[in-house]
Amino acid sequence: MAAKKKSAKLHKCPTCGMLVQFTDEDFPFCSDRCRKIDLGKWAMGVYKISSPVLDPEVLEDLGGAGRGRTGGSGGDMDED
């Protein structure tokens, strides 16, 4: 097998696609401008971190959230 040269890894800026080295000051972005554009997208809700809700208690709470429940335990105390 041929010996591989050690070279600086290049990545693409997630905002504009320009090549960026790991050692660059604004890594993984190419500039502070691209970093701020990305932050703005997070702030506006363009990007989301989502996963399925599997906890039954959380699903029950989410199911009642849109029905105008107000404060406290939501009247679930009578279900013993």
Protein backbone atom coordinates (compact mmCIF):
# COMPACT_ATOMS: atom_id res chain seq x y z
CA MET A 1 0.00 0.00 0.00
CA ALA A 2 1.30 3.45 -0.88
CA ALA A 3 2.14 5.84 1.94
CA LYS A 4 -0.37 8.64 2.29
CA LYS A 5 0.77 12.24 2.59
CA LYS A 6 -0.38 14.19 5.59
CA SER A 7 -2.26 17.18 4.27
CA ALA A 8 -4.56 19.72 5.81
CA LYS A 9 -8.12 18.49 5.61
CA LEU A 10 -10.37 20.69 3.56
CA HIS A 11 -14.06 21.11 4.26
CA LYS A 12 -16.73 23.20 2.61
CA CYS A 13 -18.26 26.15 4.40
CA PRO A 14 -21.84 25.11 5.27
CA THR A 15 -23.14 28.53 4.22
CA CYS A 16 -21.45 29.29 0.90
CA GLY A 17 -19.53 26.12 0.01
CA MET A 18 -16.08 27.73 -0.11
CA LEU A 19 -13.19 25.44 0.87
CA VAL A 20 -12.04 25.87 4.47
CA GLN A 21 -9.07 24.37 6.30
CA PHE A 22 -9.38 22.91 9.79
CA THR A 23 -6.82 25.43 11.00
CA ASP A 24 -8.75 28.49 9.77
CA GLU A 25 -9.91 30.94 12.44
CA ASP A 26 -13.61 30.73 11.49
CA PHE A 27 -13.72 26.94 10.95
CA PRO A 28 -16.09 25.37 9.93
CA PHE A 29 -17.11 28.60 8.21
CA CYS A 30 -15.01 30.57 5.74
CA SER A 31 -15.69 33.93 7.39
CA ASP A 32 -17.43 35.67 10.24
CA ARG A 33 -20.13 36.73 7.76
CA CYS A 34 -21.01 33.11 6.95
CA ARG A 35 -20.96 32.26 10.67
CA LYS A 36 -23.50 35.05 11.34
CA ILE A 37 -25.70 34.00 8.42
CA ASP A 38 -25.83 30.48 9.87
CA LEU A 39 -26.64 31.81 13.35
CA GLY A 40 -29.45 33.89 11.86
CA LYS A 41 -30.93 30.78 10.24
CA TRP A 42 -30.96 29.03 13.63
CA ALA A 43 -32.59 32.10 15.23
CA MET A 44 -35.32 32.27 12.56
CA GLY A 45 -36.14 28.57 12.96
CA VAL A 46 -34.87 27.50 9.53
CA TYR A 47 -32.85 24.75 11.21
CA LYS A 48 -34.47 22.41 13.73
CA ILE A 49 -33.28 19.55 15.89
CA SER A 50 -36.05 17.02 16.02
CA SER A 51 -36.51 13.44 17.10
CA PRO A 52 -39.59 11.33 17.71
CA VAL A 53 -41.16 11.58 21.16
CA LEU A 54 -41.32 8.09 22.64
CA ASP A 55 -42.16 8.80 26.29
CA PRO A 56 -45.92 8.14 26.82
CA GLU A 57 -46.20 10.82 29.53
CA VAL A 58 -44.70 13.45 27.25
CA LEU A 59 -47.02 12.39 24.43
CA GLU A 60 -50.04 12.83 26.73
CA ASP A 61 -48.85 16.31 27.72
CA LEU A 62 -48.32 17.28 24.08
CA GLY A 63 -51.75 15.94 23.12
CA GLY A 64 -53.52 18.24 25.58
CA ALA A 65 -51.44 21.32 24.84
CA GLY A 66 -53.62 22.49 21.96
CA ARG A 67 -56.96 22.06 23.78
CA GLY A 68 -56.74 25.13 25.98
CA ARG A 69 -55.66 23.41 29.20
CA THR A 70 -54.65 25.88 31.83
CA GLY A 71 -51.99 25.50 34.51
CA GLY A 72 -51.49 22.89 37.21
CA SER A 73 -51.94 19.20 36.64
CA GLY A 74 -54.71 19.65 34.09
CA GLY A 75 -57.28 17.72 36.17
CA ASP A 76 -55.57 14.37 35.80
CA MET A 77 -55.69 13.71 39.57
CA ASP A 78 -59.04 11.82 39.35
CA GLU A 79 -57.64 9.01 37.20
CA ASP A 80 -56.26 6.84 40.07
